[in-house]
């Protein structure tokens, strides 16, 4: 399968119609559209380390959740950070394709995957952009116990592989949980309006954290990376279904250690 064919197939399964209007994901680097896809790296983010690993392993395509050129690429000048990445990708013939808010909204995408990982069932879509989710635990839990469960469910080891979880308790037991992976500060009101006693997201600004008590909702933040990283497993499965002949693997791109 060729690079452009793989991208088009993925777009059929993860359509651009689900994207927020401001989003800038897609086929961001494509030096050789007709190149045969033999090796694929899947990563939440496309960092310099991920690009270097792709070069070292003769990878043809990097597939990510977060766009590599989120602010738009103004040039291919190797004297700028983004420009240097673009030059390196072009030099080694590596395509990059990202699926951002459309993957957030997609059934079985970022937020459905997160919901299942943190123990929810009867999962429903909430919000006009269809990004939010809400569901129920099988049994009611204490908020501290549930926060610890979330930490365990989203961690992959120690150091940079361990999720950093914080809890702002509202004095309520946990049963009905709303969530948005990544940065979900704008959605705590949505969680409360939909009857959630607890809201789980990746990260929030300080004043947003303080607002949890106003809405009487337990707030759990578990890190931007860790609330979205589980979707890489969905991407891997999808790529192998579309292009079974490809050698594909997931790269752990987080390099932030909570001390």
C-alpha atoms as a PDB file:
ATOM      1  CA  UNK A   1       0.000   0.000   0.000  1.00  0.00           C
ATOM      2  CA  UNK A   2       1.229   3.494  -0.870  1.00  0.00           C
ATOM      3  CA  UNK A   3       1.486   6.399   1.586  1.00  0.00           C
ATOM      4  CA  UNK A   4      -1.365   8.367   0.029  1.00  0.00           C
ATOM      5  CA  UNK A   5      -3.552   5.256  -0.071  1.00  0.00           C
ATOM      6  CA  UNK A   6      -2.964   4.616   3.627  1.00  0.00           C
ATOM      7  CA  UNK A   7      -3.866   8.214   4.492  1.00  0.00           C
ATOM      8  CA  UNK A   8      -7.036   8.122   2.389  1.00  0.00           C
ATOM      9  CA  UNK A   9      -8.113   4.825   3.987  1.00  0.00           C
ATOM     10  CA  UNK A  10      -7.549   6.260   7.461  1.00  0.00           C
ATOM     11  CA  UNK A  11      -9.594   9.324   6.525  1.00  0.00           C
ATOM     12  CA  UNK A  12     -12.469   7.045   5.548  1.00  0.00           C
ATOM     13  CA  UNK A  13     -12.381   5.570   9.064  1.00  0.00           C
ATOM     14  CA  UNK A  14     -11.510   8.819  10.884  1.00  0.00           C
ATOM     15  CA  UNK A  15     -13.306  11.444   8.767  1.00  0.00           C
ATOM     16  CA  UNK A  16     -12.399  15.127   8.717  1.00  0.00           C
ATOM     17  CA  UNK A  17     -16.089  15.936   9.234  1.00  0.00           C
ATOM     18  CA  UNK A  18     -15.559  15.134  12.939  1.00  0.00           C
ATOM     19  CA  UNK A  19     -12.769  17.726  13.323  1.00  0.00           C
ATOM     20  CA  UNK A  20     -13.225  21.008  15.162  1.00  0.00           C
ATOM     21  CA  UNK A  21     -13.089  23.987  12.803  1.00  0.00           C
ATOM     22  CA  UNK A  22      -9.830  25.292  14.291  1.00  0.00           C
ATOM     23  CA  UNK A  23      -7.943  22.011  13.984  1.00  0.00           C
ATOM     24  CA  UNK A  24      -4.903  21.599  11.708  1.00  0.00           C
ATOM     25  CA  UNK A  25      -4.261  17.877  11.542  1.00  0.00           C
ATOM     26  CA  UNK A  26      -3.938  15.710   8.447  1.00  0.00           C
ATOM     27  CA  UNK A  27      -1.175  14.733   6.046  1.00  0.00           C
ATOM     28  CA  UNK A  28       1.423  17.167   7.333  1.00  0.00           C
ATOM     29  CA  UNK A  29       4.513  15.743   5.650  1.00  0.00           C
ATOM     30  CA  UNK A  30       4.412  13.709   2.445  1.00  0.00           C
ATOM     31  CA  UNK A  31       7.694  13.800   0.490  1.00  0.00           C
ATOM     32  CA  UNK A  32       6.844  10.656  -1.506  1.00  0.00           C
ATOM     33  CA  UNK A  33       3.067  10.040  -1.842  1.00  0.00           C
ATOM     34  CA  UNK A  34       3.610   6.938  -4.001  1.00  0.00           C
ATOM     35  CA  UNK A  35       6.118   5.325  -1.627  1.00  0.00           C
ATOM     36  CA  UNK A  36       5.250   1.809  -0.477  1.00  0.00           C
ATOM     37  CA  UNK A  37       4.483   1.617   3.248  1.00  0.00           C
ATOM     38  CA  UNK A  38       6.682  -0.994   4.880  1.00  0.00           C
ATOM     39  CA  UNK A  39       7.270   0.446   8.358  1.00  0.00           C
ATOM     40  CA  UNK A  40       4.988   2.617  10.516  1.00  0.00           C
ATOM     41  CA  UNK A  41       5.564   4.299  13.868  1.00  0.00           C
ATOM     42  CA  UNK A  42       2.535   5.309  15.952  1.00  0.00           C
ATOM     43  CA  UNK A  43       2.977   7.994  18.584  1.00  0.00           C
ATOM     44  CA  UNK A  44       0.877  10.454  20.524  1.00  0.00           C
ATOM     45  CA  UNK A  45       3.352  13.220  19.620  1.00  0.00           C
ATOM     46  CA  UNK A  46       5.983  13.616  16.912  1.00  0.00           C
ATOM     47  CA  UNK A  47       9.035  14.811  18.820  1.00  0.00           C
ATOM     48  CA  UNK A  48      12.621  15.017  17.600  1.00  0.00           C
ATOM     49  CA  UNK A  49      13.260  11.741  19.417  1.00  0.00           C
ATOM     50  CA  UNK A  50      10.425  10.053  17.547  1.00  0.00           C
ATOM     51  CA  UNK A  51      11.714  11.381  14.218  1.00  0.00           C
ATOM     52  CA  UNK A  52      15.225  10.156  15.017  1.00  0.00           C
ATOM     53  CA  UNK A  53      13.881   6.701  15.855  1.00  0.00           C
ATOM     54  CA  UNK A  54      11.986   6.689  12.564  1.00  0.00           C
ATOM     55  CA  UNK A  55      15.162   7.560  10.671  1.00  0.00           C
ATOM     56  CA  UNK A  56      17.193   4.927  12.504  1.00  0.00           C
ATOM     57  CA  UNK A  57      14.624   2.233  11.692  1.00  0.00           C
ATOM     58  CA  UNK A  58      13.897   3.256   8.074  1.00  0.00           C
ATOM     59  CA  UNK A  59      10.290   4.093   8.870  1.00  0.00           C
ATOM     60  CA  UNK A  60       8.080   5.294   6.024  1.00  0.00           C
ATOM     61  CA  UNK A  61       5.181   6.823   7.986  1.00  0.00           C
ATOM     62  CA  UNK A  62       4.673   8.307  11.454  1.00  0.00           C
ATOM     63  CA  UNK A  63       1.051   8.430  12.595  1.00  0.00           C
ATOM     64  CA  UNK A  64       0.196  10.652  15.568  1.00  0.00           C
ATOM     65  CA  UNK A  65      -2.690  12.095  17.512  1.00  0.00           C
ATOM     66  CA  UNK A  66      -1.230  15.564  17.988  1.00  0.00           C
ATOM     67  CA  UNK A  67      -0.258  17.507  14.853  1.00  0.00           C
ATOM     68  CA  UNK A  68       3.465  18.162  14.526  1.00  0.00           C
ATOM     69  CA  UNK A  69       2.882  21.618  13.028  1.00  0.00           C
ATOM     70  CA  UNK A  70      -0.097  22.668  15.151  1.00  0.00           C
ATOM     71  CA  UNK A  71       0.491  26.387  14.665  1.00  0.00           C
ATOM     72  CA  UNK A  72       1.031  25.953  10.936  1.00  0.00           C
ATOM     73  CA  UNK A  73       4.378  25.626   9.192  1.00  0.00           C
ATOM     74  CA  UNK A  74       5.565  29.037   8.024  1.00  0.00           C
ATOM     75  CA  UNK A  75       8.690  27.783   6.276  1.00  0.00           C
ATOM     76  CA  UNK A  76      11.122  24.910   5.814  1.00  0.00           C
ATOM     77  CA  UNK A  77      14.043  26.886   7.178  1.00  0.00           C
ATOM     78  CA  UNK A  78      16.281  24.566   9.213  1.00  0.00           C
ATOM     79  CA  UNK A  79      17.121  27.506  11.506  1.00  0.00           C
ATOM     80  CA  UNK A  80      13.666  27.234  13.153  1.00  0.00           C
ATOM     81  CA  UNK A  81      12.470  24.314  15.272  1.00  0.00           C
ATOM     82  CA  UNK A  82       9.492  23.380  13.081  1.00  0.00           C
ATOM     83  CA  UNK A  83      11.398  24.118   9.905  1.00  0.00           C
ATOM     84  CA  UNK A  84      14.257  21.843  10.981  1.00  0.00           C
ATOM     85  CA  UNK A  85      11.778  19.014  11.629  1.00  0.00           C
ATOM     86  CA  UNK A  86      10.178  19.534   8.222  1.00  0.00           C
ATOM     87  CA  UNK A  87      13.575  19.499   6.495  1.00  0.00           C
ATOM     88  CA  UNK A  88      14.595  16.307   8.315  1.00  0.00           C
ATOM     89  CA  UNK A  89      11.350  14.532   7.419  1.00  0.00           C
ATOM     90  CA  UNK A  90      11.670  15.551   3.771  1.00  0.00           C
ATOM     91  CA  UNK A  91      15.347  14.566   3.606  1.00  0.00           C
ATOM     92  CA  UNK A  92      14.580  11.035   4.794  1.00  0.00           C
ATOM     93  CA  UNK A  93      11.310  10.657   2.902  1.00  0.00           C
ATOM     94  CA  UNK A  94       9.161  10.218   6.016  1.00  0.00           C
ATOM     95  CA  UNK A  95       5.451  10.990   5.839  1.00  0.00           C
ATOM     96  CA  UNK A  96       3.580  12.207   8.918  1.00  0.00           C
ATOM     97  CA  UNK A  97      -0.177  12.084   9.366  1.00  0.00           C
ATOM     98  CA  UNK A  98      -2.092  13.216  12.437  1.00  0.00           C
ATOM     99  CA  UNK A  99      -5.674  12.693  13.588  1.00  0.00           C
ATOM    100  CA  UNK A 100      -6.533  15.164  16.334  1.00  0.00           C
ATOM    101  CA  UNK A 101     -10.018  16.322  17.332  1.00  0.00           C
ATOM    102  CA  UNK A 102     -11.633  13.961  14.837  1.00  0.00           C
ATOM    103  CA  UNK A 103     -10.012  11.109  16.751  1.00  0.00           C
ATOM    104  CA  UNK A 104     -11.302  12.645  20.006  1.00  0.00           C
ATOM    105  CA  UNK A 105     -14.866  12.561  18.673  1.00  0.00           C
ATOM    106  CA  UNK A 106     -14.654   9.240  16.825  1.00  0.00           C
ATOM    107  CA  UNK A 107     -16.482   6.215  18.212  1.00  0.00           C
ATOM    108  CA  UNK A 108     -13.796   4.037  19.824  1.00  0.00           C
ATOM    109  CA  UNK A 109     -11.341   6.935  19.553  1.00  0.00           C
ATOM    110  CA  UNK A 110      -9.561   8.866  22.314  1.00  0.00           C
ATOM    111  CA  UNK A 111     -12.440   9.338  24.705  1.00  0.00           C
ATOM    112  CA  UNK A 112     -14.227   6.017  24.296  1.00  0.00           C
ATOM    113  CA  UNK A 113     -10.866   4.292  24.796  1.00  0.00           C
ATOM    114  CA  UNK A 114     -10.208   6.381  27.916  1.00  0.00           C
ATOM    115  CA  UNK A 115     -13.694   5.707  29.290  1.00  0.00           C
ATOM    116  CA  UNK A 116     -13.241   1.968  29.059  1.00  0.00           C
ATOM    117  CA  UNK A 117      -9.737   2.145  30.514  1.00  0.00           C
ATOM    118  CA  UNK A 118     -11.000   3.912  33.649  1.00  0.00           C
ATOM    119  CA  UNK A 119     -13.788   1.431  34.257  1.00  0.00           C
ATOM    120  CA  UNK A 120     -16.875   2.994  32.682  1.00  0.00           C
ATOM    121  CA  UNK A 121     -19.766   1.271  30.951  1.00  0.00           C
ATOM    122  CA  UNK A 122     -22.980   2.502  29.289  1.00  0.00           C
ATOM    123  CA  UNK A 123     -20.856   5.224  27.685  1.00  0.00           C
ATOM    124  CA  UNK A 124     -22.693   8.139  26.050  1.00  0.00           C
ATOM    125  CA  UNK A 125     -21.572  11.100  23.931  1.00  0.00           C
ATOM    126  CA  UNK A 126     -22.015  14.592  25.397  1.00  0.00           C
ATOM    127  CA  UNK A 127     -21.351  18.043  23.974  1.00  0.00           C
ATOM    128  CA  UNK A 128     -22.115  19.703  20.639  1.00  0.00           C
ATOM    129  CA  UNK A 129     -18.705  18.729  19.230  1.00  0.00           C
ATOM    130  CA  UNK A 130     -19.281  15.089  20.307  1.00  0.00           C
ATOM    131  CA  UNK A 131     -15.934  14.958  22.093  1.00  0.00           C
ATOM    132  CA  UNK A 132     -17.133  14.472  25.686  1.00  0.00           C
ATOM    133  CA  UNK A 133     -18.180  11.144  27.177  1.00  0.00           C
ATOM    134  CA  UNK A 134     -20.115  10.092  30.268  1.00  0.00           C
ATOM    135  CA  UNK A 135     -20.619   6.656  31.758  1.00  0.00           C
ATOM    136  CA  UNK A 136     -21.127   4.671  34.930  1.00  0.00           C
ATOM    137  CA  UNK A 137     -19.016   2.567  37.246  1.00  0.00           C
ATOM    138  CA  UNK A 138     -20.381  -0.868  38.076  1.00  0.00           C
ATOM    139  CA  UNK A 139     -20.163  -0.015  41.763  1.00  0.00           C
ATOM    140  CA  UNK A 140     -19.950   3.271  43.652  1.00  0.00           C
ATOM    141  CA  UNK A 141     -16.460   4.186  44.897  1.00  0.00           C
ATOM    142  CA  UNK A 142     -14.866   6.639  47.287  1.00  0.00           C
ATOM    143  CA  UNK A 143     -13.299   9.543  45.365  1.00  0.00           C
ATOM    144  CA  UNK A 144      -9.769   8.904  46.690  1.00  0.00           C
ATOM    145  CA  UNK A 145      -9.994   5.209  45.848  1.00  0.00           C
ATOM    146  CA  UNK A 146     -11.219   5.999  42.361  1.00  0.00           C
ATOM    147  CA  UNK A 147      -8.425   8.517  41.772  1.00  0.00           C
ATOM    148  CA  UNK A 148      -5.919   5.823  42.741  1.00  0.00           C
ATOM    149  CA  UNK A 149      -7.622   3.394  40.363  1.00  0.00           C
ATOM    150  CA  UNK A 150      -7.356   5.943  37.531  1.00  0.00           C
ATOM    151  CA  UNK A 151      -3.646   6.380  38.256  1.00  0.00           C
ATOM    152  CA  UNK A 152      -3.083   2.630  38.108  1.00  0.00           C
ATOM    153  CA  UNK A 153      -5.188   2.213  34.966  1.00  0.00           C
ATOM    154  CA  UNK A 154      -3.304   4.897  33.039  1.00  0.00           C
ATOM    155  CA  UNK A 155       0.266   4.195  34.196  1.00  0.00           C
ATOM    156  CA  UNK A 156       2.672   1.986  32.262  1.00  0.00           C
ATOM    157  CA  UNK A 157       5.514   1.838  34.775  1.00  0.00           C
ATOM    158  CA  UNK A 158       7.626   4.262  36.792  1.00  0.00           C
ATOM    159  CA  UNK A 159       9.319   7.553  35.973  1.00  0.00           C
ATOM    160  CA  UNK A 160       7.998   9.075  32.764  1.00  0.00           C
ATOM    161  CA  UNK A 161       5.648   6.101  32.363  1.00  0.00           C
ATOM    162  CA  UNK A 162       3.717   6.791  35.581  1.00  0.00           C
ATOM    163  CA  UNK A 163       0.623   8.975  35.403  1.00  0.00           C
ATOM    164  CA  UNK A 164       0.516  11.928  37.780  1.00  0.00           C
ATOM    165  CA  UNK A 165      -2.999  12.147  39.195  1.00  0.00           C
ATOM    166  CA  UNK A 166      -4.551  14.869  41.337  1.00  0.00           C
ATOM    167  CA  UNK A 167      -7.964  14.979  42.980  1.00  0.00           C
ATOM    168  CA  UNK A 168     -10.099  17.983  43.879  1.00  0.00           C
ATOM    169  CA  UNK A 169     -12.840  16.318  45.963  1.00  0.00           C
ATOM    170  CA  UNK A 170     -16.373  17.646  46.150  1.00  0.00           C
ATOM    171  CA  UNK A 171     -17.467  15.375  49.001  1.00  0.00           C
ATOM    172  CA  UNK A 172     -19.314  12.981  46.718  1.00  0.00           C
ATOM    173  CA  UNK A 173     -19.018   9.280  45.986  1.00  0.00           C
ATOM    174  CA  UNK A 174     -18.076   8.291  42.447  1.00  0.00           C
ATOM    175  CA  UNK A 175     -20.600   6.542  40.248  1.00  0.00           C
ATOM    176  CA  UNK A 176     -21.354   8.650  37.154  1.00  0.00           C
ATOM    177  CA  UNK A 177     -18.195   9.947  35.490  1.00  0.00           C
ATOM    178  CA  UNK A 178     -17.754  12.427  32.637  1.00  0.00           C
ATOM    179  CA  UNK A 179     -14.454  12.771  30.824  1.00  0.00           C
ATOM    180  CA  UNK A 180     -12.415  14.382  28.096  1.00  0.00           C
ATOM    181  CA  UNK A 181      -8.845  13.303  27.373  1.00  0.00           C
ATOM    182  CA  UNK A 182      -6.152  15.972  27.117  1.00  0.00           C
ATOM    183  CA  UNK A 183      -6.938  19.567  28.032  1.00  0.00           C
ATOM    184  CA  UNK A 184     -10.543  19.634  29.206  1.00  0.00           C
ATOM    185  CA  UNK A 185     -10.830  22.748  31.339  1.00  0.00           C
ATOM    186  CA  UNK A 186     -13.728  24.183  29.359  1.00  0.00           C
ATOM    187  CA  UNK A 187     -15.943  21.144  29.885  1.00  0.00           C
ATOM    188  CA  UNK A 188     -16.460  20.886  33.644  1.00  0.00           C
ATOM    189  CA  UNK A 189     -19.774  22.733  33.347  1.00  0.00           C
ATOM    190  CA  UNK A 190     -20.840  20.203  30.699  1.00  0.00           C
ATOM    191  CA  UNK A 191     -19.984  17.375  33.094  1.00  0.00           C
ATOM    192  CA  UNK A 192     -22.117  18.887  35.851  1.00  0.00           C
ATOM    193  CA  UNK A 193     -25.032  19.638  33.526  1.00  0.00           C
ATOM    194  CA  UNK A 194     -25.076  15.997  32.438  1.00  0.00           C
ATOM    195  CA  UNK A 195     -25.370  14.694  35.983  1.00  0.00           C
ATOM    196  CA  UNK A 196     -21.771  13.620  36.587  1.00  0.00           C
ATOM    197  CA  UNK A 197     -20.551  13.401  40.170  1.00  0.00           C
ATOM    198  CA  UNK A 198     -16.954  13.171  38.912  1.00  0.00           C
ATOM    199  CA  UNK A 199     -15.032  14.623  35.973  1.00  0.00           C
ATOM    200  CA  UNK A 200     -11.785  13.154  34.612  1.00  0.00           C
ATOM    201  CA  UNK A 201      -9.499  15.012  32.221  1.00  0.00           C
ATOM    202  CA  UNK A 202      -5.832  15.462  31.434  1.00  0.00           C
ATOM    203  CA  UNK A 203      -4.984  18.940  32.643  1.00  0.00           C
ATOM    204  CA  UNK A 204      -6.645  22.210  33.605  1.00  0.00           C
ATOM    205  CA  UNK A 205      -5.630  25.762  34.389  1.00  0.00           C
ATOM    206  CA  UNK A 206      -5.475  26.839  38.021  1.00  0.00           C
ATOM    207  CA  UNK A 207      -8.703  28.846  38.017  1.00  0.00           C
ATOM    208  CA  UNK A 208     -10.462  25.948  36.284  1.00  0.00           C
ATOM    209  CA  UNK A 209      -9.306  23.595  39.035  1.00  0.00           C
ATOM    210  CA  UNK A 210     -10.793  25.919  41.624  1.00  0.00           C
ATOM    211  CA  UNK A 211     -14.159  25.948  39.835  1.00  0.00           C
ATOM    212  CA  UNK A 212     -14.730  22.236  40.529  1.00  0.00           C
ATOM    213  CA  UNK A 213     -16.122  23.027  43.983  1.00  0.00           C
ATOM    214  CA  UNK A 214     -18.580  25.506  42.450  1.00  0.00           C
ATOM    215  CA  UNK A 215     -20.055  22.744  40.302  1.00  0.00           C
ATOM    216  CA  UNK A 216     -19.978  20.206  43.171  1.00  0.00           C
ATOM    217  CA  UNK A 217     -18.128  17.715  40.979  1.00  0.00           C
ATOM    218  CA  UNK A 218     -15.096  15.661  42.009  1.00  0.00           C
ATOM    219  CA  UNK A 219     -12.283  16.593  39.629  1.00  0.00           C
ATOM    220  CA  UNK A 220      -9.497  14.191  38.675  1.00  0.00           C
ATOM    221  CA  UNK A 221      -6.642  15.286  36.422  1.00  0.00           C
ATOM    222  CA  UNK A 222      -4.405  12.502  35.152  1.00  0.00           C
ATOM    223  CA  UNK A 223      -2.081  14.214  32.690  1.00  0.00           C
ATOM    224  CA  UNK A 224      -2.554  15.256  29.085  1.00  0.00           C
ATOM    225  CA  UNK A 225      -0.359  12.471  27.758  1.00  0.00           C
ATOM    226  CA  UNK A 226      -1.750   9.640  29.866  1.00  0.00           C
ATOM    227  CA  UNK A 227      -5.415  10.373  29.179  1.00  0.00           C
ATOM    228  CA  UNK A 228      -4.789  10.268  25.418  1.00  0.00           C
ATOM    229  CA  UNK A 229      -1.988   7.736  24.981  1.00  0.00           C
ATOM    230  CA  UNK A 230      -4.300   4.656  25.166  1.00  0.00           C
ATOM    231  CA  UNK A 231      -5.717   5.608  21.746  1.00  0.00           C
ATOM    232  CA  UNK A 232      -2.388   4.613  20.186  1.00  0.00           C
ATOM    233  CA  UNK A 233      -3.519   1.003  20.604  1.00  0.00           C
ATOM    234  CA  UNK A 234      -6.615   1.803  18.517  1.00  0.00           C
ATOM    235  CA  UNK A 235      -4.430   3.411  15.842  1.00  0.00           C
ATOM    236  CA  UNK A 236      -2.134   0.384  15.753  1.00  0.00           C
ATOM    237  CA  UNK A 237      -5.059  -2.000  15.350  1.00  0.00           C
ATOM    238  CA  UNK A 238      -6.577   0.178  12.623  1.00  0.00           C
ATOM    239  CA  UNK A 239      -3.329   0.445  10.648  1.00  0.00           C
ATOM    240  CA  UNK A 240      -2.789  -3.312  10.756  1.00  0.00           C
ATOM    241  CA  UNK A 241      -6.351  -3.902   9.533  1.00  0.00           C
ATOM    242  CA  UNK A 242      -5.837  -1.534   6.597  1.00  0.00           C
ATOM    243  CA  UNK A 243      -2.236  -2.435   5.816  1.00  0.00           C
ATOM    244  CA  UNK A 244      -1.491  -5.875   7.308  1.00  0.00           C
ATOM    245  CA  UNK A 245       1.772  -6.179   5.399  1.00  0.00           C
ATOM    246  CA  UNK A 246       3.282  -3.200   7.272  1.00  0.00           C
ATOM    247  CA  UNK A 247       5.593  -3.539  10.266  1.00  0.00           C
ATOM    248  CA  UNK A 248       3.914  -1.210  12.773  1.00  0.00           C
ATOM    249  CA  UNK A 249       4.632  -0.384  16.405  1.00  0.00           C
ATOM    250  CA  UNK A 250       3.822   2.215  19.069  1.00  0.00           C
ATOM    251  CA  UNK A 251       6.436   4.646  20.371  1.00  0.00           C
ATOM    252  CA  UNK A 252       6.128   6.014  23.929  1.00  0.00           C
ATOM    253  CA  UNK A 253       6.775   9.727  23.319  1.00  0.00           C
ATOM    254  CA  UNK A 254       6.372  11.139  26.833  1.00  0.00           C
ATOM    255  CA  UNK A 255       9.621  12.429  28.349  1.00  0.00           C
ATOM    256  CA  UNK A 256       8.186  14.309  31.324  1.00  0.00           C
ATOM    257  CA  UNK A 257       8.895  12.906  34.778  1.00  0.00           C
ATOM    258  CA  UNK A 258       6.803  14.061  37.728  1.00  0.00           C
ATOM    259  CA  UNK A 259       9.109  14.310  40.765  1.00  0.00           C
END
